[in-house]
Amino acid sequence: GDGRTRYADSVKGRFTISRDKAKNTVYLQMNNLKPEDTA
């Protein structure tokens, strides 16, 4: 559902996880990306 979330310290404040139930999809919005996010 829209229950508890958690984030790694390295991405807190930059990444956001969310759901779109109608699309059966979970998103990861990544902002202010850094070279160390490459993976």
PDB file of all heavy atoms in Angstrom:
ATOM      1  N   GLY A   1       0.841  -1.191   0.000  1.00  0.00           N
ATOM      2  CA  GLY A   1       0.000   0.000   0.000  1.00  0.00           C
ATOM      3  C   GLY A   1       0.875   1.239   0.000  1.00  0.00           C
ATOM      4  O   GLY A   1       1.880   1.304  -0.682  1.00  0.00           O
ATOM      5  N   ASP A   2       0.506   2.205   0.773  1.00  0.00           N
ATOM      6  CA  ASP A   2       1.338   3.406   0.925  1.00  0.00           C
ATOM      7  C   ASP A   2       2.006   3.381   2.290  1.00  0.00           C
ATOM      8  O   ASP A   2       2.042   4.372   3.011  1.00  0.00           O
ATOM      9  CB  ASP A   2       0.480   4.660   0.760  1.00  0.00           C
ATOM     10  CG  ASP A   2      -0.004   4.806  -0.664  1.00  0.00           C
ATOM     11  OD1 ASP A   2       0.773   4.493  -1.578  1.00  0.00           O
ATOM     12  OD2 ASP A   2      -1.160   5.225  -0.856  1.00  0.00           O
ATOM     13  N   GLY A   3       2.528   2.197   2.628  1.00  0.00           N
ATOM     14  CA  GLY A   3       3.097   1.992   3.943  1.00  0.00           C
ATOM     15  C   GLY A   3       4.491   2.564   4.106  1.00  0.00           C
ATOM     16  O   GLY A   3       4.962   3.385   3.307  1.00  0.00           O
ATOM     17  N   ARG A   4       5.149   2.075   5.105  1.00  0.00           N
ATOM     18  CA  ARG A   4       6.453   2.611   5.509  1.00  0.00           C
ATOM     19  C   ARG A   4       7.471   2.527   4.387  1.00  0.00           C
ATOM     20  O   ARG A   4       7.517   1.550   3.647  1.00  0.00           O
ATOM     21  CB  ARG A   4       6.945   1.846   6.730  1.00  0.00           C
ATOM     22  CG  ARG A   4       8.229   2.388   7.336  1.00  0.00           C
ATOM     23  CD  ARG A   4       8.569   1.660   8.612  1.00  0.00           C
ATOM     24  NE  ARG A   4       7.565   1.890   9.652  1.00  0.00           N
ATOM     25  CZ  ARG A   4       7.617   2.893  10.497  1.00  0.00           C
ATOM     26  NH1 ARG A   4       8.600   3.771  10.439  1.00  0.00           N
ATOM     27  NH2 ARG A   4       6.690   3.022  11.419  1.00  0.00           N
ATOM     28  N   THR A   5       8.282   3.570   4.306  1.00  0.00           N
ATOM     29  CA  THR A   5       9.369   3.598   3.345  1.00  0.00           C
ATOM     30  C   THR A   5      10.691   3.770   4.073  1.00  0.00           C
ATOM     31  O   THR A   5      10.733   4.185   5.242  1.00  0.00           O
ATOM     32  CB  THR A   5       9.202   4.750   2.342  1.00  0.00           C
ATOM     33  OG1 THR A   5       9.177   5.998   3.057  1.00  0.00           O
ATOM     34  CG2 THR A   5       7.925   4.615   1.538  1.00  0.00           C
ATOM     35  N   ARG A   6      11.776   3.478   3.390  1.00  0.00           N
ATOM     36  CA  ARG A   6      13.097   3.744   3.938  1.00  0.00           C
ATOM     37  C   ARG A   6      14.049   4.034   2.786  1.00  0.00           C
ATOM     38  O   ARG A   6      13.805   3.609   1.653  1.00  0.00           O
ATOM     39  CB  ARG A   6      13.619   2.589   4.798  1.00  0.00           C
ATOM     40  CG  ARG A   6      13.975   1.325   4.043  1.00  0.00           C
ATOM     41  CD  ARG A   6      14.422   0.219   4.975  1.00  0.00           C
ATOM     42  NE  ARG A   6      14.712  -1.015   4.257  1.00  0.00           N
ATOM     43  CZ  ARG A   6      14.490  -2.216   4.758  1.00  0.00           C
ATOM     44  NH1 ARG A   6      13.987  -2.353   5.973  1.00  0.00           N
ATOM     45  NH2 ARG A   6      14.794  -3.299   4.058  1.00  0.00           N
ATOM     46  N   TYR A   7      15.123   4.735   3.120  1.00  0.00           N
ATOM     47  CA  TYR A   7      16.104   5.141   2.123  1.00  0.00           C
ATOM     48  C   TYR A   7      17.504   4.955   2.672  1.00  0.00           C
ATOM     49  O   TYR A   7      17.748   5.136   3.878  1.00  0.00           O
ATOM     50  CB  TYR A   7      15.923   6.628   1.756  1.00  0.00           C
ATOM     51  CG  TYR A   7      14.604   6.954   1.110  1.00  0.00           C
ATOM     52  CD1 TYR A   7      13.501   7.328   1.875  1.00  0.00           C
ATOM     53  CD2 TYR A   7      14.442   6.861  -0.269  1.00  0.00           C
ATOM     54  CE1 TYR A   7      12.279   7.614   1.283  1.00  0.00           C
ATOM     55  CE2 TYR A   7      13.227   7.157  -0.875  1.00  0.00           C
ATOM     56  CZ  TYR A   7      12.151   7.526  -0.075  1.00  0.00           C
ATOM     57  OH  TYR A   7      10.940   7.805  -0.681  1.00  0.00           O
ATOM     58  N   ALA A   8      18.417   4.628   1.795  1.00  0.00           N
ATOM     59  CA  ALA A   8      19.827   4.637   2.159  1.00  0.00           C
ATOM     60  C   ALA A   8      20.248   6.078   2.463  1.00  0.00           C
ATOM     61  O   ALA A   8      19.736   7.026   1.840  1.00  0.00           O
ATOM     62  CB  ALA A   8      20.669   4.071   1.025  1.00  0.00           C
ATOM     63  N   ASP A   9      21.161   6.235   3.395  1.00  0.00           N
ATOM     64  CA  ASP A   9      21.613   7.586   3.766  1.00  0.00           C
ATOM     65  C   ASP A   9      22.157   8.342   2.559  1.00  0.00           C
ATOM     66  O   ASP A   9      22.002   9.560   2.464  1.00  0.00           O
ATOM     67  CB  ASP A   9      22.689   7.504   4.849  1.00  0.00           C
ATOM     68  CG  ASP A   9      22.127   7.103   6.202  1.00  0.00           C
ATOM     69  OD1 ASP A   9      20.899   7.200   6.388  1.00  0.00           O
ATOM     70  OD2 ASP A   9      22.918   6.678   7.057  1.00  0.00           O
ATOM     71  N   SER A  10      22.758   7.621   1.636  1.00  0.00           N
ATOM     72  CA  SER A  10      23.408   8.263   0.491  1.00  0.00           C
ATOM     73  C   SER A  10      22.411   8.881  -0.487  1.00  0.00           C
ATOM     74  O   SER A  10      22.806   9.693  -1.332  1.00  0.00           O
ATOM     75  CB  SER A  10      24.270   7.241  -0.260  1.00  0.00           C
ATOM     76  OG  SER A  10      23.484   6.139  -0.677  1.00  0.00           O
ATOM     77  N   VAL A  11      21.127   8.525  -0.380  1.00  0.00           N
ATOM     78  CA  VAL A  11      20.144   9.055  -1.329  1.00  0.00           C
ATOM     79  C   VAL A  11      19.025   9.842  -0.649  1.00  0.00           C
ATOM     80  O   VAL A  11      18.166  10.402  -1.335  1.00  0.00           O
ATOM     81  CB  VAL A  11      19.516   7.924  -2.185  1.00  0.00           C
ATOM     82  CG1 VAL A  11      20.604   7.103  -2.862  1.00  0.00           C
ATOM     83  CG2 VAL A  11      18.593   7.034  -1.364  1.00  0.00           C
ATOM     84  N   LYS A  12      19.029   9.908   0.673  1.00  0.00           N
ATOM     85  CA  LYS A  12      17.978  10.638   1.387  1.00  0.00           C
ATOM     86  C   LYS A  12      17.939  12.088   0.932  1.00  0.00           C
ATOM     87  O   LYS A  12      18.973  12.738   0.802  1.00  0.00           O
ATOM     88  CB  LYS A  12      18.215  10.576   2.889  1.00  0.00           C
ATOM     89  CG  LYS A  12      17.776   9.285   3.531  1.00  0.00           C
ATOM     90  CD  LYS A  12      18.027   9.301   5.033  1.00  0.00           C
ATOM     91  CE  LYS A  12      17.631   7.975   5.649  1.00  0.00           C
ATOM     92  NZ  LYS A  12      17.957   7.917   7.098  1.00  0.00           N
ATOM     93  N   GLY A  13      16.729  12.565   0.675  1.00  0.00           N
ATOM     94  CA  GLY A  13      16.558  13.945   0.225  1.00  0.00           C
ATOM     95  C   GLY A  13      16.706  14.115  -1.279  1.00  0.00           C
ATOM     96  O   GLY A  13      16.380  15.184  -1.809  1.00  0.00           O
ATOM     97  N   ARG A  14      17.180  13.084  -1.967  1.00  0.00           N
ATOM     98  CA  ARG A  14      17.345  13.163  -3.423  1.00  0.00           C
ATOM     99  C   ARG A  14      16.449  12.185  -4.154  1.00  0.00           C
ATOM    100  O   ARG A  14      15.983  12.480  -5.263  1.00  0.00           O
ATOM    101  CB  ARG A  14      18.808  12.887  -3.803  1.00  0.00           C
ATOM    102  CG  ARG A  14      19.796  13.855  -3.202  1.00  0.00           C
ATOM    103  CD  ARG A  14      21.193  13.657  -3.797  1.00  0.00           C
ATOM    104  NE  ARG A  14      21.739  12.333  -3.519  1.00  0.00           N
ATOM    105  CZ  ARG A  14      22.141  11.475  -4.460  1.00  0.00           C
ATOM    106  NH1 ARG A  14      22.075  11.804  -5.739  1.00  0.00           N
ATOM    107  NH2 ARG A  14      22.642  10.297  -4.122  1.00  0.00           N
ATOM    108  N   PHE A  15      16.209  11.009  -3.578  1.00  0.00           N
ATOM    109  CA  PHE A  15      15.409   9.962  -4.219  1.00  0.00           C
ATOM    110  C   PHE A  15      14.070   9.834  -3.494  1.00  0.00           C
ATOM    111  O   PHE A  15      13.991  10.000  -2.273  1.00  0.00           O
ATOM    112  CB  PHE A  15      16.128   8.617  -4.159  1.00  0.00           C
ATOM    113  CG  PHE A  15      17.356   8.493  -5.023  1.00  0.00           C
ATOM    114  CD1 PHE A  15      17.934   9.584  -5.635  1.00  0.00           C
ATOM    115  CD2 PHE A  15      17.934   7.253  -5.222  1.00  0.00           C
ATOM    116  CE1 PHE A  15      19.067   9.462  -6.418  1.00  0.00           C
ATOM    117  CE2 PHE A  15      19.060   7.094  -6.011  1.00  0.00           C
ATOM    118  CZ  PHE A  15      19.633   8.202  -6.597  1.00  0.00           C
ATOM    119  N   THR A  16      13.031   9.503  -4.265  1.00  0.00           N
ATOM    120  CA  THR A  16      11.708   9.278  -3.696  1.00  0.00           C
ATOM    121  C   THR A  16      11.102   8.034  -4.326  1.00  0.00           C
ATOM    122  O   THR A  16      11.059   7.907  -5.552  1.00  0.00           O
ATOM    123  CB  THR A  16      10.784  10.477  -3.957  1.00  0.00           C
ATOM    124  OG1 THR A  16      11.372  11.668  -3.415  1.00  0.00           O
ATOM    125  CG2 THR A  16       9.421  10.251  -3.293  1.00  0.00           C
ATOM    126  N   ILE A  17      10.615   7.137  -3.473  1.00  0.00           N
ATOM    127  CA  ILE A  17       9.945   5.922  -3.948  1.00  0.00           C
ATOM    128  C   ILE A  17       8.441   6.127  -3.828  1.00  0.00           C
ATOM    129  O   ILE A  17       7.958   6.735  -2.865  1.00  0.00           O
ATOM    130  CB  ILE A  17      10.426   4.688  -3.150  1.00  0.00           C
ATOM    131  CG1 ILE A  17       9.976   3.392  -3.812  1.00  0.00           C
ATOM    132  CG2 ILE A  17       9.961   4.752  -1.692  1.00  0.00           C
ATOM    133  CD1 ILE A  17      10.641   2.142  -3.214  1.00  0.00           C
ATOM    134  N   SER A  18       7.698   5.618  -4.812  1.00  0.00           N
ATOM    135  CA  SER A  18       6.241   5.795  -4.793  1.00  0.00           C
ATOM    136  C   SER A  18       5.592   4.694  -5.616  1.00  0.00           C
ATOM    137  O   SER A  18       6.258   3.979  -6.366  1.00  0.00           O
ATOM    138  CB  SER A  18       5.857   7.165  -5.349  1.00  0.00           C
ATOM    139  OG  SER A  18       6.226   7.277  -6.716  1.00  0.00           O
ATOM    140  N   ARG A  19       4.272   4.581  -5.450  1.00  0.00           N
ATOM    141  CA  ARG A  19       3.509   3.565  -6.192  1.00  0.00           C
ATOM    142  C   ARG A  19       2.442   4.225  -7.071  1.00  0.00           C
ATOM    143  O   ARG A  19       1.887   5.253  -6.701  1.00  0.00           O
ATOM    144  CB  ARG A  19       2.770   2.639  -5.213  1.00  0.00           C
ATOM    145  CG  ARG A  19       3.633   1.761  -4.365  1.00  0.00           C
ATOM    146  CD  ARG A  19       2.741   0.859  -3.518  1.00  0.00           C
ATOM    147  NE  ARG A  19       3.487  -0.008  -2.620  1.00  0.00           N
ATOM    148  CZ  ARG A  19       3.937  -1.205  -2.950  1.00  0.00           C
ATOM    149  NH1 ARG A  19       3.725  -1.671  -4.163  1.00  0.00           N
ATOM    150  NH2 ARG A  19       4.598  -1.942  -2.065  1.00  0.00           N
ATOM    151  N   ASP A  20       2.176   3.577  -8.191  1.00  0.00           N
ATOM    152  CA  ASP A  20       0.978   3.862  -8.986  1.00  0.00           C
ATOM    153  C   ASP A  20       0.215   2.552  -9.054  1.00  0.00           C
ATOM    154  O   ASP A  20       0.549   1.654  -9.829  1.00  0.00           O
ATOM    155  CB  ASP A  20       1.348   4.365 -10.383  1.00  0.00           C
ATOM    156  CG  ASP A  20       0.125   4.776 -11.186  1.00  0.00           C
ATOM    157  OD1 ASP A  20      -0.967   4.190 -11.000  1.00  0.00           O
ATOM    158  OD2 ASP A  20       0.245   5.688 -12.017  1.00  0.00           O
ATOM    159  N   LYS A  21      -0.810   2.447  -8.222  1.00  0.00           N
ATOM    160  CA  LYS A  21      -1.536   1.180  -8.118  1.00  0.00           C
ATOM    161  C   LYS A  21      -2.215   0.814  -9.438  1.00  0.00           C
ATOM    162  O   LYS A  21      -2.254  -0.350  -9.825  1.00  0.00           O
ATOM    163  CB  LYS A  21      -2.559   1.267  -6.996  1.00  0.00           C
ATOM    164  CG  LYS A  21      -1.944   1.521  -5.633  1.00  0.00           C
ATOM    165  CD  LYS A  21      -3.002   1.760  -4.571  1.00  0.00           C
ATOM    166  CE  LYS A  21      -2.380   2.170  -3.246  1.00  0.00           C
ATOM    167  NZ  LYS A  21      -3.385   2.428  -2.208  1.00  0.00           N
ATOM    168  N   ALA A  22      -2.742   1.794 -10.124  1.00  0.00           N
ATOM    169  CA  ALA A  22      -3.455   1.526 -11.374  1.00  0.00           C
ATOM    170  C   ALA A  22      -2.529   0.940 -12.435  1.00  0.00           C
ATOM    171  O   ALA A  22      -2.956   0.158 -13.281  1.00  0.00           O
ATOM    172  CB  ALA A  22      -4.106   2.808 -11.889  1.00  0.00           C
ATOM    173  N   LYS A  23      -1.260   1.323 -12.373  1.00  0.00           N
ATOM    174  CA  LYS A  23      -0.294   0.834 -13.348  1.00  0.00           C
ATOM    175  C   LYS A  23       0.532  -0.334 -12.815  1.00  0.00           C
ATOM    176  O   LYS A  23       1.418  -0.820 -13.515  1.00  0.00           O
ATOM    177  CB  LYS A  23       0.623   1.979 -13.779  1.00  0.00           C
ATOM    178  CG  LYS A  23      -0.107   3.084 -14.532  1.00  0.00           C
ATOM    179  CD  LYS A  23       0.842   4.160 -15.013  1.00  0.00           C
ATOM    180  CE  LYS A  23       0.088   5.224 -15.810  1.00  0.00           C
ATOM    181  NZ  LYS A  23       0.982   6.296 -16.294  1.00  0.00           N
ATOM    182  N   ASN A  24       0.251  -0.737 -11.561  1.00  0.00           N
ATOM    183  CA  ASN A  24       0.981  -1.860 -10.959  1.00  0.00           C
ATOM    184  C   ASN A  24       2.492  -1.607 -11.004  1.00  0.00           C
ATOM    185  O   ASN A  24       3.287  -2.505 -11.308  1.00  0.00           O
ATOM    186  CB  ASN A  24       0.635  -3.181 -11.667  1.00  0.00           C
ATOM    187  CG  ASN A  24       0.771  -4.385 -10.758  1.00  0.00           C
ATOM    188  OD1 ASN A  24       0.759  -4.265  -9.536  1.00  0.00           O
ATOM    189  ND2 ASN A  24       0.896  -5.555 -11.357  1.00  0.00           N
ATOM    190  N   THR A  25       2.852  -0.383 -10.709  1.00  0.00           N
ATOM    191  CA  THR A  25       4.223   0.081 -10.898  1.00  0.00           C
ATOM    192  C   THR A  25       4.720   0.823  -9.658  1.00  0.00           C
ATOM    193  O   THR A  25       3.952   1.557  -9.012  1.00  0.00           O
ATOM    194  CB  THR A  25       4.299   1.007 -12.134  1.00  0.00           C
ATOM    195  OG1 THR A  25       3.972   0.240 -13.298  1.00  0.00           O
ATOM    196  CG2 THR A  25       5.692   1.593 -12.312  1.00  0.00           C
ATOM    197  N   VAL A  26       5.981   0.622  -9.350  1.00  0.00           N
ATOM    198  CA  VAL A  26       6.671   1.383  -8.308  1.00  0.00           C
ATOM    199  C   VAL A  26       7.740   2.228  -8.997  1.00  0.00           C
ATOM    200  O   VAL A  26       8.466   1.728  -9.859  1.00  0.00           O
ATOM    201  CB  VAL A  26       7.301   0.458  -7.262  1.00  0.00           C
ATOM    202  CG1 VAL A  26       8.184   1.249  -6.290  1.00  0.00           C
ATOM    203  CG2 VAL A  26       6.205  -0.277  -6.488  1.00  0.00           C
ATOM    204  N   TYR A  27       7.816   3.483  -8.599  1.00  0.00           N
ATOM    205  CA  TYR A  27       8.769   4.400  -9.197  1.00  0.00           C
ATOM    206  C   TYR A  27       9.885   4.741  -8.225  1.00  0.00           C
ATOM    207  O   TYR A  27       9.702   4.720  -7.004  1.00  0.00           O
ATOM    208  CB  TYR A  27       8.064   5.703  -9.605  1.00  0.00           C
ATOM    209  CG  TYR A  27       6.980   5.520 -10.629  1.00  0.00           C
ATOM    210  CD1 TYR A  27       5.637   5.592 -10.259  1.00  0.00           C
ATOM    211  CD2 TYR A  27       7.282   5.263 -11.955  1.00  0.00           C
ATOM    212  CE1 TYR A  27       4.628   5.424 -11.193  1.00  0.00           C
ATOM    213  CE2 TYR A  27       6.279   5.089 -12.899  1.00  0.00           C
ATOM    214  CZ  TYR A  27       4.958   5.170 -12.504  1.00  0.00           C
ATOM    215  OH  TYR A  27       3.967   4.996 -13.436  1.00  0.00           O
ATOM    216  N   LEU A  28      11.018   5.096  -8.790  1.00  0.00           N
ATOM    217  CA  LEU A  28      12.107   5.687  -8.022  1.00  0.00           C
ATOM    218  C   LEU A  28      12.489   6.979  -8.736  1.00  0.00           C
ATOM    219  O   LEU A  28      13.107   6.941  -9.797  1.00  0.00           O
ATOM    220  CB  LEU A  28      13.310   4.754  -7.925  1.00  0.00           C
ATOM    221  CG  LEU A  28      14.439   5.258  -7.028  1.00  0.00           C
ATOM    222  CD1 LEU A  28      13.989   5.236  -5.560  1.00  0.00           C
ATOM    223  CD2 LEU A  28      15.700   4.417  -7.202  1.00  0.00           C
ATOM    224  N   GLN A  29      12.048   8.094  -8.166  1.00  0.00           N
ATOM    225  CA  GLN A  29      12.402   9.400  -8.702  1.00  0.00           C
ATOM    226  C   GLN A  29      13.766   9.785  -8.148  1.00  0.00           C
ATOM    227  O   GLN A  29      13.936   9.845  -6.926  1.00  0.00           O
ATOM    228  CB  GLN A  29      11.358  10.444  -8.313  1.00  0.00           C
ATOM    229  CG  GLN A  29      11.684  11.855  -8.784  1.00  0.00           C
ATOM    230  CD  GLN A  29      11.641  11.999 -10.283  1.00  0.00           C
ATOM    231  OE1 GLN A  29      10.735  11.498 -10.939  1.00  0.00           O
ATOM    232  NE2 GLN A  29      12.627  12.693 -10.849  1.00  0.00           N
ATOM    233  N   MET A  30      14.701  10.044  -9.041  1.00  0.00           N
ATOM    234  CA  MET A  30      16.070  10.343  -8.634  1.00  0.00           C
ATOM    235  C   MET A  30      16.426  11.752  -9.098  1.00  0.00           C
ATOM    236  O   MET A  30      16.452  12.019 -10.304  1.00  0.00           O
ATOM    237  CB  MET A  30      17.031   9.321  -9.249  1.00  0.00           C
ATOM    238  CG  MET A  30      16.654   7.879  -8.940  1.00  0.00           C
ATOM    239  SD  MET A  30      17.884   6.684  -9.508  1.00  0.00           S
ATOM    240  CE  MET A  30      17.831   6.940 -11.277  1.00  0.00           C
ATOM    241  N   ASN A  31      16.670  12.624  -8.146  1.00  0.00           N
ATOM    242  CA  ASN A  31      17.021  14.007  -8.445  1.00  0.00           C
ATOM    243  C   ASN A  31      18.439  14.301  -7.988  1.00  0.00           C
ATOM    244  O   ASN A  31      19.006  13.580  -7.165  1.00  0.00           O
ATOM    245  CB  ASN A  31      16.049  14.961  -7.742  1.00  0.00           C
ATOM    246  CG  ASN A  31      14.625  14.792  -8.208  1.00  0.00           C
ATOM    247  OD1 ASN A  31      14.365  14.448  -9.365  1.00  0.00           O
ATOM    248  ND2 ASN A  31      13.674  15.041  -7.312  1.00  0.00           N
ATOM    249  N   ASN A  32      18.992  15.374  -8.516  1.00  0.00           N
ATOM    250  CA  ASN A  32      20.351  15.809  -8.151  1.00  0.00           C
ATOM    251  C   ASN A  32      21.329  14.630  -8.217  1.00  0.00           C
ATOM    252  O   ASN A  32      22.075  14.365  -7.262  1.00  0.00           O
ATOM    253  CB  ASN A  32      20.344  16.432  -6.757  1.00  0.00           C
ATOM    254  CG  ASN A  32      21.663  17.105  -6.420  1.00  0.00           C
ATOM    255  OD1 ASN A  32      22.420  17.488  -7.311  1.00  0.00           O
ATOM    256  ND2 ASN A  32      21.932  17.243  -5.129  1.00  0.00           N
ATOM    257  N   LEU A  33      21.311  13.949  -9.334  1.00  0.00           N
ATOM    258  CA  LEU A  33      22.139  12.752  -9.481  1.00  0.00           C
ATOM    259  C   LEU A  33      23.616  13.093  -9.467  1.00  0.00           C
ATOM    260  O   LEU A  33      24.035  14.163  -9.940  1.00  0.00           O
ATOM    261  CB  LEU A  33      21.763  12.019 -10.767  1.00  0.00           C
ATOM    262  CG  LEU A  33      20.468  11.206 -10.658  1.00  0.00           C
ATOM    263  CD1 LEU A  33      19.896  10.905 -12.030  1.00  0.00           C
ATOM    264  CD2 LEU A  33      20.709   9.928  -9.880  1.00  0.00           C
ATOM    265  N   LYS A  34      24.385  12.166  -8.918  1.00  0.00           N
ATOM    266  CA  LYS A  34      25.830  12.330  -8.782  1.00  0.00           C
ATOM    267  C   LYS A  34      26.537  11.193  -9.517  1.00  0.00           C
ATOM    268  O   LYS A  34      25.952  10.123  -9.699  1.00  0.00           O
ATOM    269  CB  LYS A  34      26.211  12.293  -7.305  1.00  0.00           C
ATOM    270  CG  LYS A  34      25.485  13.320  -6.451  1.00  0.00           C
ATOM    271  CD  LYS A  34      25.827  13.156  -4.988  1.00  0.00           C
ATOM    272  CE  LYS A  34      25.089  14.178  -4.119  1.00  0.00           C
ATOM    273  NZ  LYS A  34      25.416  14.024  -2.687  1.00  0.00           N
ATOM    274  N   PRO A  35      27.775  11.381  -9.898  1.00  0.00           N
ATOM    275  CA  PRO A  35      28.499  10.290 -10.580  1.00  0.00           C
ATOM    276  C   PRO A  35      28.519   9.003  -9.757  1.00  0.00           C
ATOM    277  O   PRO A  35      28.475   7.911 -10.335  1.00  0.00           O
ATOM    278  CB  PRO A  35      29.899  10.877 -10.756  1.00  0.00           C
ATOM    279  CG  PRO A  35      29.668  12.345 -10.861  1.00  0.00           C
ATOM    280  CD  PRO A  35      28.553  12.636  -9.904  1.00  0.00           C
ATOM    281  N   GLU A  36      28.536   9.124  -8.444  1.00  0.00           N
ATOM    282  CA  GLU A  36      28.562   7.917  -7.608  1.00  0.00           C
ATOM    283  C   GLU A  36      27.227   7.180  -7.596  1.00  0.00           C
ATOM    284  O   GLU A  36      27.128   6.090  -7.018  1.00  0.00           O
ATOM    285  CB  GLU A  36      28.985   8.262  -6.178  1.00  0.00           C
ATOM    286  CG  GLU A  36      28.216   9.384  -5.539  1.00  0.00           C
ATOM    287  CD  GLU A  36      28.920  10.725  -5.664  1.00  0.00           C
ATOM    288  OE1 GLU A  36      29.481  11.019  -6.749  1.00  0.00           O
ATOM    289  OE2 GLU A  36      28.904  11.490  -4.669  1.00  0.00           O
ATOM    290  N   ASP A  37      26.196   7.735  -8.207  1.00  0.00           N
ATOM    291  CA  ASP A  37      24.924   7.025  -8.357  1.00  0.00           C
ATOM    292  C   ASP A  37      24.953   6.070  -9.557  1.00  0.00           C
ATOM    293  O   ASP A  37      23.999   5.297  -9.761  1.00  0.00           O
ATOM    294  CB  ASP A  37      23.772   8.011  -8.543  1.00  0.00           C
ATOM    295  CG  ASP A  37      23.526   8.873  -7.311  1.00  0.00           C
ATOM    296  OD1 ASP A  37      23.581   8.331  -6.195  1.00  0.00           O
ATOM    297  OD2 ASP A  37      23.287  10.092  -7.481  1.00  0.00           O
ATOM    298  N   THR A  38      26.010   6.119 -10.337  1.00  0.00           N
ATOM    299  CA  THR A  38      26.131   5.244 -11.505  1.00  0.00           C
ATOM    300  C   THR A  38      26.148   3.783 -11.072  1.00  0.00           C
ATOM    301  O   THR A  38      26.951   3.382 -10.219  1.00  0.00           O
ATOM    302  CB  THR A  38      27.411   5.576 -12.281  1.00  0.00           C
ATOM    303  OG1 THR A  38      27.300   6.893 -12.813  1.00  0.00           O
ATOM    304  CG2 THR A  38      27.620   4.580 -13.417  1.00  0.00           C
ATOM    305  N   ALA A  39      25.236   2.996 -11.639  1.00  0.00           N
ATOM    306  CA  ALA A  39      25.093   1.588 -11.260  1.00  0.00           C
ATOM    307  C   ALA A  39      23.996   0.960 -12.106  1.00  0.00           C
ATOM    308  O   ALA A  39      23.256   1.662 -12.813  1.00  0.00           O
ATOM    309  CB  ALA A  39      24.733   1.460  -9.783  1.00  0.00           C
TER     310      ALA A  39
END
